[in-house]
Amino acid sequence: MGPIGEKGDKGAKGFDGPVGIKGQAGATCDCGRYRKVVGQLDENLGKLRNNVKFVKNVVLGLKETEDRYYLLVKEPKKFREASMNCKLRGGALAMPKTNNINRLMADYISQAGLTRVYVGVQAQSKGTDGIGSYIYADSTPLREFAVWSQEEQLYSTSSPATNVSCVELLNTGTWNKVECETPLFFICEFPKSRRRGRGGAAASALQ
């Protein structure tokens, strides 16, 4: 047997074969309608996210950290009234317990064009040793962190005067003592509730 030859040219097209047997009807699929519904859901979800962002950042003007929201309330109130107002909203007077939180609040004040607001720091009654001190709104004492202004020359163990036993935060990031009867704007803080979702605190603040 000799070697295999080269491949030849393609031949002419043959005759069509007989028509096959008709198959069974397939299942009906309204895929176009489902795709439209899913697309509309995606669009609505995107709008909802934008609305939540708008409410938080524009309407409420909220600032937030990983676990809390902060709301600047532009209603001048005395310290006790401000504290109660925050509680009625579901939060508390904001407590600047770290440098980062204190800086966030100070920037918040500056961006709002303000110079000072109440925060959740005030004097507590003098102890048996006759020494007074300052505590946060949740009754925890000031520890390592405090940003008293140079003019005040106050520290956590200093004895506060009774008529200036509340604290204001300046837009510079420093604290000053202030009379508790002075009407000032204030900042509330709200924990991010896992049960109610990330929008829970924002909804409460609107009330």
N, C-alpha and C. Protein backbone atom coordinates (compact mmCIF):
# COMPACT_ATOMS: atom_id res chain seq x y z
N MET A 1 0.87 -1.19 0.00
CA MET A 1 0.00 0.00 0.00
C MET A 1 0.90 1.23 0.00
N GLY A 2 0.60 2.16 -0.87
CA GLY A 2 1.41 3.37 -0.96
C GLY A 2 1.04 4.39 0.11
N PRO A 3 1.74 5.55 0.15
CA PRO A 3 1.46 6.60 1.16
C PRO A 3 0.11 7.26 0.91
N ILE A 4 -0.45 7.83 1.98
CA ILE A 4 -1.75 8.52 1.89
C ILE A 4 -1.59 9.78 1.06
N GLY A 5 -2.52 10.02 0.16
CA GLY A 5 -2.45 11.18 -0.70
C GLY A 5 -2.92 12.46 -0.02
N GLU A 6 -2.80 13.59 -0.72
CA GLU A 6 -3.24 14.86 -0.17
C GLU A 6 -4.76 14.92 -0.12
N LYS A 7 -5.27 15.79 0.79
CA LYS A 7 -6.71 15.95 0.97
C LYS A 7 -7.29 16.58 -0.28
N GLY A 8 -8.37 16.02 -0.77
CA GLY A 8 -8.97 16.52 -1.99
C GLY A 8 -9.87 17.72 -1.75
N ASP A 9 -10.37 18.31 -2.83
CA ASP A 9 -11.29 19.46 -2.73
C ASP A 9 -12.64 19.01 -2.20
N LYS A 10 -13.37 19.98 -1.55
CA LYS A 10 -14.69 19.71 -1.01
C LYS A 10 -15.66 19.43 -2.15
N GLY A 11 -16.46 18.39 -2.00
CA GLY A 11 -17.40 18.02 -3.03
C GLY A 11 -18.62 18.91 -3.06
N ALA A 12 -19.49 18.72 -4.02
CA ALA A 12 -20.73 19.50 -4.15
C ALA A 12 -21.70 19.12 -3.04
N LYS A 13 -22.59 20.09 -2.66
CA LYS A 13 -23.57 19.87 -1.61
C LYS A 13 -24.56 18.82 -2.05
N GLY A 14 -24.86 17.90 -1.18
CA GLY A 14 -25.80 16.84 -1.50
C GLY A 14 -27.25 17.29 -1.34
N PHE A 15 -28.18 16.36 -1.58
CA PHE A 15 -29.59 16.65 -1.43
C PHE A 15 -29.98 16.71 0.04
N ASP A 16 -31.02 17.58 0.36
CA ASP A 16 -31.52 17.65 1.75
C ASP A 16 -32.15 16.34 2.14
N GLY A 17 -31.95 15.94 3.37
CA GLY A 17 -32.56 14.72 3.88
C GLY A 17 -34.02 14.95 4.26
N PRO A 18 -34.71 13.90 4.67
CA PRO A 18 -36.13 14.01 5.05
C PRO A 18 -36.28 14.80 6.36
N VAL A 19 -37.44 15.46 6.53
CA VAL A 19 -37.73 16.22 7.75
C VAL A 19 -37.90 15.26 8.92
N GLY A 20 -37.30 15.61 10.06
CA GLY A 20 -37.39 14.76 11.24
C GLY A 20 -38.74 14.84 11.92
N ILE A 21 -38.92 13.96 12.91
CA ILE A 21 -40.17 13.93 13.68
C ILE A 21 -40.25 15.16 14.57
N LYS A 22 -41.45 15.77 14.71
CA LYS A 22 -41.65 16.96 15.53
C LYS A 22 -41.41 16.63 17.00
N GLY A 23 -40.60 17.45 17.68
CA GLY A 23 -40.31 17.22 19.09
C GLY A 23 -41.41 17.71 20.00
N GLN A 24 -41.27 17.40 21.31
CA GLN A 24 -42.25 17.82 22.29
C GLN A 24 -42.07 19.31 22.61
N ALA A 25 -43.17 19.95 22.98
CA ALA A 25 -43.12 21.39 23.33
C ALA A 25 -42.31 21.59 24.60
N GLY A 26 -41.48 22.62 24.63
CA GLY A 26 -40.69 22.92 25.82
C GLY A 26 -41.50 23.69 26.85
N ALA A 27 -40.95 23.83 28.08
CA ALA A 27 -41.61 24.57 29.15
C ALA A 27 -41.60 26.06 28.85
N THR A 28 -42.69 26.73 29.20
CA THR A 28 -42.81 28.17 28.95
C THR A 28 -41.97 28.95 29.95
N CYS A 29 -41.20 29.89 29.51
CA CYS A 29 -40.35 30.71 30.39
C CYS A 29 -40.58 32.18 30.08
N ASP A 30 -41.12 32.88 31.09
CA ASP A 30 -41.34 34.32 30.92
C ASP A 30 -40.10 35.06 31.43
N CYS A 31 -38.96 34.70 30.87
CA CYS A 31 -37.67 35.23 31.37
C CYS A 31 -37.57 36.74 31.22
N GLY A 32 -38.14 37.24 30.13
CA GLY A 32 -38.06 38.68 29.93
C GLY A 32 -38.73 39.45 31.05
N ARG A 33 -39.89 38.96 31.52
CA ARG A 33 -40.62 39.64 32.60
C ARG A 33 -39.84 39.57 33.90
N TYR A 34 -39.24 38.39 34.18
CA TYR A 34 -38.47 38.25 35.40
C TYR A 34 -37.24 39.16 35.40
N ARG A 35 -36.60 39.21 34.24
CA ARG A 35 -35.43 40.09 34.14
C ARG A 35 -35.82 41.55 34.38
N LYS A 36 -37.00 41.92 33.90
CA LYS A 36 -37.47 43.29 34.09
C LYS A 36 -37.74 43.57 35.57
N VAL A 37 -38.36 42.57 36.25
CA VAL A 37 -38.66 42.74 37.68
C VAL A 37 -37.38 42.86 38.49
N VAL A 38 -36.41 41.97 38.22
CA VAL A 38 -35.14 42.01 38.94
C VAL A 38 -34.42 43.33 38.68
N GLY A 39 -34.46 43.77 37.43
CA GLY A 39 -33.83 45.05 37.11
C GLY A 39 -34.47 46.20 37.86
N GLN A 40 -35.81 46.18 37.99
CA GLN A 40 -36.52 47.24 38.72
C GLN A 40 -36.17 47.20 40.20
N LEU A 41 -36.04 45.98 40.76
CA LEU A 41 -35.66 45.85 42.17
C LEU A 41 -34.27 46.43 42.42
N ASP A 42 -33.35 46.13 41.52
CA ASP A 42 -32.00 46.67 41.65
C ASP A 42 -32.02 48.20 41.60
N GLU A 43 -32.85 48.72 40.70
CA GLU A 43 -32.93 50.18 40.57
C GLU A 43 -33.52 50.80 41.83
N ASN A 44 -34.59 50.16 42.37
CA ASN A 44 -35.22 50.68 43.60
C ASN A 44 -34.27 50.61 44.78
N LEU A 45 -33.49 49.52 44.84
CA LEU A 45 -32.52 49.37 45.93
C LEU A 45 -31.46 50.45 45.87
N GLY A 46 -31.02 50.76 44.66
CA GLY A 46 -30.04 51.83 44.50
C GLY A 46 -30.60 53.17 44.94
N LYS A 47 -31.88 53.44 44.59
CA LYS A 47 -32.51 54.68 45.00
C LYS A 47 -32.64 54.75 46.52
N LEU A 48 -32.98 53.61 47.14
CA LEU A 48 -33.12 53.57 48.60
C LEU A 48 -31.80 53.89 49.28
N ARG A 49 -30.72 53.30 48.78
CA ARG A 49 -29.40 53.58 49.35
C ARG A 49 -29.08 55.07 49.24
N ASN A 50 -29.38 55.65 48.10
CA ASN A 50 -29.11 57.07 47.91
C ASN A 50 -29.97 57.93 48.84
N ASN A 51 -31.24 57.51 49.06
CA ASN A 51 -32.11 58.25 49.95
C ASN A 51 -31.63 58.20 51.39
N VAL A 52 -31.18 57.01 51.81
CA VAL A 52 -30.65 56.87 53.17
C VAL A 52 -29.42 57.74 53.34
N LYS A 53 -28.55 57.72 52.34
CA LYS A 53 -27.34 58.54 52.40
C LYS A 53 -27.70 60.02 52.45
N PHE A 54 -28.72 60.41 51.67
CA PHE A 54 -29.14 61.81 51.66
C PHE A 54 -29.68 62.22 53.03
N VAL A 55 -30.51 61.35 53.63
CA VAL A 55 -31.08 61.66 54.94
C VAL A 55 -29.99 61.81 55.98
N LYS A 56 -29.03 60.89 55.96
CA LYS A 56 -27.95 60.91 56.95
C LYS A 56 -27.06 62.12 56.79
N ASN A 57 -26.66 62.41 55.57
CA ASN A 57 -25.63 63.42 55.35
C ASN A 57 -26.16 64.82 55.10
N VAL A 58 -27.37 64.93 54.52
CA VAL A 58 -27.89 66.25 54.16
C VAL A 58 -28.98 66.71 55.11
N VAL A 59 -30.03 65.88 55.24
CA VAL A 59 -31.14 66.29 56.09
C VAL A 59 -30.72 66.31 57.56
N LEU A 60 -30.17 65.20 58.03
CA LEU A 60 -29.75 65.12 59.42
C LEU A 60 -28.37 65.72 59.64
N GLY A 61 -27.52 65.68 58.64
CA GLY A 61 -26.16 66.14 58.82
C GLY A 61 -25.38 65.25 59.76
N LEU A 62 -25.71 63.98 59.78
CA LEU A 62 -25.07 63.06 60.72
C LEU A 62 -23.60 62.83 60.40
N LYS A 63 -22.82 62.66 61.45
CA LYS A 63 -21.47 62.13 61.33
C LYS A 63 -21.50 60.75 61.95
N GLU A 64 -20.59 59.90 61.54
CA GLU A 64 -20.61 58.56 62.10
C GLU A 64 -19.23 57.95 62.22
N THR A 65 -19.14 57.01 63.17
CA THR A 65 -17.95 56.19 63.33
C THR A 65 -18.40 54.75 63.11
N GLU A 66 -17.55 53.82 63.45
CA GLU A 66 -17.89 52.41 63.23
C GLU A 66 -19.11 51.98 64.04
N ASP A 67 -19.29 52.54 65.24
CA ASP A 67 -20.38 52.08 66.09
C ASP A 67 -21.35 53.16 66.56
N ARG A 68 -21.16 54.42 66.11
CA ARG A 68 -22.05 55.48 66.58
C ARG A 68 -22.34 56.53 65.51
N TYR A 69 -23.51 57.16 65.67
CA TYR A 69 -23.88 58.34 64.89
C TYR A 69 -23.77 59.56 65.80
N TYR A 70 -23.49 60.71 65.19
CA TYR A 70 -23.43 61.97 65.94
C TYR A 70 -24.28 63.01 65.21
N LEU A 71 -25.16 63.67 65.97
CA LEU A 71 -26.09 64.64 65.40
C LEU A 71 -25.94 65.98 66.10
N LEU A 72 -25.65 67.02 65.33
CA LEU A 72 -25.58 68.38 65.85
C LEU A 72 -26.99 68.97 65.86
N VAL A 73 -27.48 69.31 67.04
CA VAL A 73 -28.83 69.85 67.19
C VAL A 73 -28.73 71.37 67.34
N LYS A 74 -29.28 72.08 66.36
CA LYS A 74 -29.20 73.53 66.37
C LYS A 74 -30.44 74.13 67.04
N GLU A 75 -30.61 73.77 68.28
CA GLU A 75 -31.67 74.31 69.12
C GLU A 75 -31.03 74.72 70.45
N PRO A 76 -30.88 76.00 70.72
CA PRO A 76 -30.21 76.41 71.96
C PRO A 76 -30.99 75.97 73.20
N LYS A 77 -30.34 75.22 74.04
CA LYS A 77 -30.97 74.73 75.27
C LYS A 77 -29.97 74.75 76.41
N LYS A 78 -30.49 74.82 77.63
CA LYS A 78 -29.64 74.69 78.81
C LYS A 78 -29.13 73.26 78.87
N PHE A 79 -28.09 73.05 79.66
CA PHE A 79 -27.43 71.74 79.66
C PHE A 79 -28.41 70.62 80.00
N ARG A 80 -29.18 70.77 81.06
CA ARG A 80 -30.11 69.71 81.46
C ARG A 80 -31.14 69.46 80.36
N GLU A 81 -31.64 70.52 79.73
CA GLU A 81 -32.61 70.37 78.65
C GLU A 81 -31.99 69.67 77.44
N ALA A 82 -30.74 70.02 77.14
CA ALA A 82 -30.05 69.39 76.03
C ALA A 82 -29.87 67.90 76.27
N SER A 83 -29.50 67.55 77.51
CA SER A 83 -29.33 66.15 77.86
C SER A 83 -30.64 65.38 77.71
N MET A 84 -31.73 65.98 78.16
CA MET A 84 -33.03 65.32 78.05
C MET A 84 -33.47 65.20 76.59
N ASN A 85 -33.16 66.22 75.79
CA ASN A 85 -33.52 66.18 74.38
C ASN A 85 -32.84 65.01 73.67
N CYS A 86 -31.57 64.79 73.97
CA CYS A 86 -30.85 63.66 73.37
C CYS A 86 -31.46 62.33 73.81
N LYS A 87 -31.85 62.24 75.09
CA LYS A 87 -32.45 61.00 75.59
C LYS A 87 -33.78 60.72 74.91
N LEU A 88 -34.58 61.77 74.70
CA LEU A 88 -35.86 61.60 74.02
C LEU A 88 -35.68 61.14 72.58
N ARG A 89 -34.55 61.49 71.97
CA ARG A 89 -34.25 61.06 70.60
C ARG A 89 -33.67 59.64 70.55
N GLY A 90 -33.44 59.07 71.74
CA GLY A 90 -32.89 57.72 71.79
C GLY A 90 -31.39 57.66 71.95
N GLY A 91 -30.77 58.78 72.35
CA GLY A 91 -29.31 58.80 72.49
C GLY A 91 -28.89 59.46 73.78
N ALA A 92 -27.76 60.14 73.75
CA ALA A 92 -27.22 60.84 74.92
C ALA A 92 -26.37 61.99 74.42
N LEU A 93 -26.09 62.94 75.29
CA LEU A 93 -25.16 64.00 74.92
C LEU A 93 -23.83 63.36 74.52
N ALA A 94 -23.27 63.81 73.43
CA ALA A 94 -22.07 63.19 72.87
C ALA A 94 -20.90 63.26 73.85
N MET A 95 -20.18 62.16 73.95
CA MET A 95 -19.07 62.05 74.89
C MET A 95 -17.75 61.89 74.15
N PRO A 96 -16.94 62.92 74.09
CA PRO A 96 -15.65 62.84 73.40
C PRO A 96 -14.61 62.11 74.25
N LYS A 97 -14.62 60.79 74.19
CA LYS A 97 -13.75 60.00 75.06
C LYS A 97 -12.38 59.71 74.46
N THR A 98 -12.21 59.98 73.17
CA THR A 98 -10.91 59.77 72.53
C THR A 98 -10.57 60.98 71.68
N ASN A 99 -9.33 61.07 71.30
CA ASN A 99 -8.89 62.19 70.48
C ASN A 99 -9.59 62.17 69.12
N ASN A 100 -9.79 60.99 68.54
CA ASN A 100 -10.43 60.90 67.23
C ASN A 100 -11.88 61.38 67.29
N ILE A 101 -12.62 60.96 68.31
CA ILE A 101 -14.01 61.39 68.46
C ILE A 101 -14.06 62.89 68.74
N ASN A 102 -13.17 63.37 69.58
CA ASN A 102 -13.14 64.80 69.89
C ASN A 102 -12.87 65.62 68.63
N ARG A 103 -11.95 65.14 67.79
CA ARG A 103 -11.62 65.84 66.55
C ARG A 103 -12.81 65.82 65.58
N LEU A 104 -13.48 64.68 65.51
CA LEU A 104 -14.65 64.57 64.64
C LEU A 104 -15.71 65.60 65.05
N MET A 105 -15.95 65.72 66.35
CA MET A 105 -16.95 66.68 66.84
C MET A 105 -16.51 68.12 66.57
N ALA A 106 -15.26 68.41 66.78
CA ALA A 106 -14.76 69.76 66.55
C ALA A 106 -14.88 70.15 65.08
N ASP A 107 -14.56 69.22 64.20
CA ASP A 107 -14.71 69.48 62.76
C ASP A 107 -16.19 69.67 62.40
N TYR A 108 -17.04 68.89 63.04
CA TYR A 108 -18.48 68.98 62.84
C TYR A 108 -18.96 70.40 63.18
N ILE A 109 -18.48 70.92 64.29
CA ILE A 109 -18.86 72.28 64.72
C ILE A 109 -18.36 73.31 63.72
N SER A 110 -17.12 73.16 63.30
CA SER A 110 -16.54 74.12 62.35
C SER A 110 -17.29 74.12 61.03
N GLN A 111 -17.62 72.93 60.52
CA GLN A 111 -18.32 72.82 59.24
C GLN A 111 -19.71 73.44 59.31
N ALA A 112 -20.29 73.47 60.52
CA ALA A 112 -21.60 74.08 60.69
C ALA A 112 -21.51 75.58 60.91
N GLY A 113 -20.30 76.12 60.95
CA GLY A 113 -20.12 77.55 61.13
C GLY A 113 -20.33 78.00 62.56
N LEU A 114 -20.17 77.06 63.52
CA LEU A 114 -20.36 77.38 64.94
C LEU A 114 -19.02 77.44 65.66
N THR A 115 -19.05 77.95 66.88
CA THR A 115 -17.82 78.05 67.67
C THR A 115 -17.82 77.15 68.89
N ARG A 116 -19.03 76.80 69.41
CA ARG A 116 -19.05 75.99 70.64
C ARG A 116 -20.40 75.30 70.79
N VAL A 117 -20.40 74.14 71.45
CA VAL A 117 -21.63 73.39 71.73
C VAL A 117 -21.45 72.65 73.06
N TYR A 118 -22.57 72.25 73.63
CA TYR A 118 -22.53 71.38 74.81
C TYR A 118 -22.12 69.97 74.39
N VAL A 119 -21.34 69.32 75.25
CA VAL A 119 -21.05 67.90 75.11
C VAL A 119 -21.33 67.23 76.45
N GLY A 120 -21.34 65.91 76.44
CA GLY A 120 -21.71 65.16 77.64
C GLY A 120 -20.61 65.05 78.67
N VAL A 121 -20.15 66.17 79.20
CA VAL A 121 -19.16 66.20 80.28
C VAL A 121 -19.63 67.24 81.29
N GLN A 122 -19.68 66.88 82.55
CA GLN A 122 -20.08 67.82 83.58
C GLN A 122 -19.47 67.44 84.93
N ALA A 123 -19.55 68.38 85.88
CA ALA A 123 -18.98 68.14 87.21
C ALA A 123 -19.92 67.25 88.01
N GLN A 124 -19.35 66.40 88.85
CA GLN A 124 -20.15 65.61 89.77
C GLN A 124 -19.99 66.19 91.17
N SER A 125 -20.82 65.77 92.06
CA SER A 125 -20.76 66.28 93.43
C SER A 125 -19.43 65.93 94.08
N LYS A 126 -19.01 66.79 94.99
CA LYS A 126 -17.75 66.54 95.68
C LYS A 126 -17.86 65.30 96.55
N GLY A 127 -16.79 64.57 96.62
CA GLY A 127 -16.76 63.37 97.44
C GLY A 127 -16.49 63.69 98.89
N THR A 128 -16.29 62.63 99.67
CA THR A 128 -16.04 62.82 101.10
C THR A 128 -14.73 63.55 101.36
N ASP A 129 -13.83 63.51 100.38
CA ASP A 129 -12.55 64.20 100.55
C ASP A 129 -12.66 65.67 100.16
N GLY A 130 -13.89 66.08 99.74
CA GLY A 130 -14.08 67.49 99.39
C GLY A 130 -13.58 67.86 98.02
N ILE A 131 -13.14 66.87 97.23
CA ILE A 131 -12.62 67.14 95.89
C ILE A 131 -13.67 66.79 94.84
N GLY A 132 -13.93 67.70 93.94
CA GLY A 132 -14.88 67.44 92.86
C GLY A 132 -14.14 66.98 91.62
N SER A 133 -14.87 66.39 90.69
CA SER A 133 -14.26 65.94 89.45
C SER A 133 -15.31 65.96 88.35
N TYR A 134 -14.87 65.70 87.13
CA TYR A 134 -15.77 65.71 85.99
C TYR A 134 -16.04 64.29 85.51
N ILE A 135 -17.26 64.08 85.03
CA ILE A 135 -17.66 62.77 84.53
C ILE A 135 -18.36 62.94 83.18
N TYR A 136 -18.47 61.82 82.44
CA TYR A 136 -19.21 61.82 81.18
C TYR A 136 -20.70 61.64 81.45
N ALA A 137 -21.51 61.80 80.41
CA ALA A 137 -22.96 61.69 80.54
C ALA A 137 -23.40 60.31 80.99
N ASP A 138 -22.59 59.29 80.74
CA ASP A 138 -22.93 57.94 81.18
C ASP A 138 -22.38 57.63 82.57
N SER A 139 -21.95 58.69 83.28
CA SER A 139 -21.46 58.61 84.66
C SER A 139 -20.07 57.99 84.80
N THR A 140 -19.40 57.70 83.69
CA THR A 140 -18.03 57.22 83.79
C THR A 140 -17.08 58.40 83.98
N PRO A 141 -16.03 58.22 84.77
CA PRO A 141 -15.12 59.35 85.03
C PRO A 141 -14.17 59.62 83.87
N LEU A 142 -13.72 60.85 83.77
CA LEU A 142 -12.66 61.18 82.82
C LEU A 142 -11.40 60.47 83.27
N ARG A 143 -10.73 59.83 82.34
CA ARG A 143 -9.50 59.12 82.69
C ARG A 143 -8.30 59.80 82.03
N GLU A 144 -7.69 59.11 81.08
CA GLU A 144 -6.49 59.68 80.48
C GLU A 144 -6.79 60.86 79.57
N PHE A 145 -7.97 60.83 78.91
CA PHE A 145 -8.24 61.84 77.89
C PHE A 145 -9.04 63.01 78.43
N ALA A 146 -8.54 64.21 78.20
CA ALA A 146 -9.24 65.47 78.49
C ALA A 146 -8.50 66.55 77.73
N VAL A 147 -9.25 67.53 77.20
CA VAL A 147 -8.63 68.56 76.37
C VAL A 147 -9.03 69.94 76.90
N TRP A 148 -8.72 70.20 78.15
CA TRP A 148 -9.05 71.50 78.73
C TRP A 148 -8.21 72.59 78.07
N SER A 149 -8.83 73.73 77.84
CA SER A 149 -8.11 74.85 77.23
C SER A 149 -7.10 75.42 78.21
N GLN A 150 -6.11 76.07 77.68
CA GLN A 150 -5.08 76.64 78.54
C GLN A 150 -5.65 77.72 79.45
N GLU A 151 -6.69 78.41 78.95
CA GLU A 151 -7.29 79.46 79.76
C GLU A 151 -7.94 78.89 81.01
N GLU A 152 -8.50 77.71 80.90
CA GLU A 152 -9.19 77.12 82.04
C GLU A 152 -8.23 76.52 83.06
N GLN A 153 -7.16 75.91 82.53
CA GLN A 153 -6.21 75.25 83.42
C GLN A 153 -6.91 74.24 84.34
N LEU A 154 -7.80 73.43 83.73
CA LEU A 154 -8.55 72.44 84.48
C LEU A 154 -8.04 71.04 84.15
N TYR A 155 -8.15 70.17 85.13
CA TYR A 155 -7.81 68.77 84.93
C TYR A 155 -8.91 67.92 85.54
N SER A 156 -8.87 66.66 85.29
CA SER A 156 -9.94 65.78 85.74
C SER A 156 -10.11 65.77 87.25
N THR A 157 -9.07 66.12 88.00
CA THR A 157 -9.15 66.09 89.45
C THR A 157 -9.35 67.47 90.06
N SER A 158 -9.54 68.47 89.21
CA SER A 158 -9.71 69.81 89.75
C SER A 158 -11.09 69.97 90.35
N SER A 159 -11.26 70.92 91.24
CA SER A 159 -12.53 71.13 91.91
C SER A 159 -13.33 72.17 91.14
N PRO A 160 -14.40 71.79 90.45
CA PRO A 160 -15.14 72.73 89.63
C PRO A 160 -16.04 73.64 90.46
N ALA A 161 -16.24 74.84 89.96
CA ALA A 161 -17.16 75.76 90.61
C ALA A 161 -18.59 75.32 90.31
N THR A 162 -19.51 75.54 91.24
CA THR A 162 -20.86 75.04 91.09
C THR A 162 -21.61 75.71 89.96
N ASN A 163 -21.34 76.99 89.68
CA ASN A 163 -22.09 77.69 88.65
C ASN A 163 -21.50 77.52 87.26
N VAL A 164 -20.36 76.86 87.15
CA VAL A 164 -19.75 76.60 85.84
C VAL A 164 -19.36 75.13 85.75
N SER A 165 -20.29 74.27 86.12
CA SER A 165 -19.96 72.85 86.23
C SER A 165 -20.27 72.04 84.98
N CYS A 166 -20.64 72.72 83.87
CA CYS A 166 -20.87 72.01 82.62
C CYS A 166 -19.73 72.33 81.64
N VAL A 167 -19.69 71.59 80.53
CA VAL A 167 -18.55 71.69 79.62
C VAL A 167 -19.03 71.93 78.19
N GLU A 168 -18.34 72.83 77.50
CA GLU A 168 -18.60 73.09 76.10
C GLU A 168 -17.36 72.69 75.30
N LEU A 169 -17.61 72.21 74.09
CA LEU A 169 -16.52 71.88 73.16
C LEU A 169 -16.41 73.00 72.14
N LEU A 170 -15.20 73.52 71.97
CA LEU A 170 -14.97 74.58 70.99
C LEU A 170 -14.59 73.98 69.64
N ASN A 171 -14.74 74.77 68.60
CA ASN A 171 -14.40 74.27 67.27
C ASN A 171 -12.89 74.07 67.10
N THR A 172 -12.12 74.51 68.07
CA THR A 172 -10.68 74.28 68.06
C THR A 172 -10.33 72.90 68.62
N GLY A 173 -11.33 72.23 69.22
CA GLY A 173 -11.09 70.91 69.79
C GLY A 173 -10.80 70.93 71.28
N THR A 174 -10.83 72.10 71.91
CA THR A 174 -10.57 72.20 73.35
C THR A 174 -11.88 72.34 74.12
N TRP A 175 -11.80 72.06 75.44
CA TRP A 175 -12.96 72.13 76.31
C TRP A 175 -12.88 73.38 77.19
N ASN A 176 -14.04 73.95 77.49
CA ASN A 176 -14.14 75.05 78.44
C ASN A 176 -15.25 74.76 79.42
N LYS A 177 -15.11 75.23 80.64
CA LYS A 177 -16.22 75.15 81.58
C LYS A 177 -17.21 76.26 81.24
N VAL A 178 -18.48 76.00 81.52
CA VAL A 178 -19.52 76.96 81.18
C VAL A 178 -20.66 76.81 82.16
N GLU A 179 -21.40 77.89 82.41
CA GLU A 179 -22.57 77.83 83.28
C GLU A 179 -23.63 76.94 82.65
N CYS A 180 -24.19 76.04 83.42
CA CYS A 180 -25.15 75.07 82.90
C CYS A 180 -26.46 75.71 82.45
N GLU A 181 -26.72 76.94 82.87
CA GLU A 181 -27.95 77.63 82.49
C GLU A 181 -27.79 78.37 81.16
N THR A 182 -26.61 78.33 80.58
CA THR A 182 -26.38 79.01 79.30
C THR A 182 -27.00 78.22 78.16
N PRO A 183 -27.89 78.82 77.37
CA PRO A 183 -28.47 78.10 76.22
C PRO A 183 -27.42 77.95 75.10
N LEU A 184 -27.16 76.71 74.70
CA LEU A 184 -26.20 76.43 73.63
C LEU A 184 -26.75 75.33 72.73
N PHE A 185 -26.23 75.29 71.50
CA PHE A 185 -26.47 74.13 70.66
C PHE A 185 -25.74 72.95 71.28
N PHE A 186 -26.02 71.73 70.80
CA PHE A 186 -25.40 70.56 71.42
C PHE A 186 -25.31 69.41 70.42
N ILE A 187 -24.51 68.41 70.77
CA ILE A 187 -24.33 67.22 69.92
C ILE A 187 -24.83 66.00 70.67
N CYS A 188 -25.68 65.22 70.00
CA CYS A 188 -26.16 63.95 70.56
C CYS A 188 -25.41 62.80 69.88
N GLU A 189 -25.31 61.69 70.59
CA GLU A 189 -24.73 60.49 70.00
C GLU A 189 -25.73 59.35 70.11
N PHE A 190 -25.69 58.45 69.11
CA PHE A 190 -26.61 57.32 69.05
C PHE A 190 -25.84 56.06 68.70
N PRO A 191 -26.04 54.98 69.45
CA PRO A 191 -25.38 53.72 69.09
C PRO A 191 -26.02 53.13 67.85
N LYS A 192 -25.22 52.46 67.05
CA LYS A 192 -25.75 51.77 65.87
C LYS A 192 -26.33 50.44 66.33
N SER A 193 -27.64 50.34 66.28
CA SER A 193 -28.33 49.15 66.76
C SER A 193 -28.27 48.05 65.71
N ARG A 194 -27.79 46.88 66.11
CA ARG A 194 -27.73 45.74 65.18
C ARG A 194 -29.14 45.25 64.85
N ARG A 195 -30.02 45.27 65.84
CA ARG A 195 -31.35 44.74 65.63
C ARG A 195 -32.15 45.60 64.67
N ARG A 196 -31.99 46.92 64.78
CA ARG A 196 -32.76 47.82 63.94
C ARG A 196 -32.05 48.17 62.65
N GLY A 197 -30.81 47.74 62.50
CA GLY A 197 -30.08 48.01 61.26
C GLY A 197 -29.36 49.34 61.34
N ARG A 198 -28.57 49.62 60.33
CA ARG A 198 -27.73 50.81 60.32
C ARG A 198 -28.54 52.09 60.24
N GLY A 199 -29.78 52.01 59.77
CA GLY A 199 -30.58 53.21 59.68
C GLY A 199 -31.39 53.50 60.92
N GLY A 200 -31.32 52.61 61.96
CA GLY A 200 -32.14 52.75 63.14
C GLY A 200 -31.93 54.07 63.87
N ALA A 201 -30.69 54.41 64.12
CA ALA A 201 -30.41 55.63 64.85
C ALA A 201 -30.81 56.87 64.07
N ALA A 202 -30.60 56.82 62.77
CA ALA A 202 -30.99 57.96 61.94
C ALA A 202 -32.48 58.19 61.99
N ALA A 203 -33.25 57.10 62.00
CA ALA A 203 -34.70 57.24 62.07
C ALA A 203 -35.13 57.82 63.40
N SER A 204 -34.48 57.39 64.50
CA SER A 204 -34.82 57.92 65.81
C SER A 204 -34.49 59.39 65.90
N ALA A 205 -33.38 59.80 65.32
CA ALA A 205 -32.97 61.18 65.40
C ALA A 205 -33.92 62.11 64.70
N LEU A 206 -34.64 61.61 63.70
CA LEU A 206 -35.61 62.42 62.98
C LEU A 206 -36.83 62.75 63.82
N GLN A 207 -37.13 61.91 64.83
CA GLN A 207 -38.34 62.08 65.60
C GLN A 207 -38.25 63.31 66.50
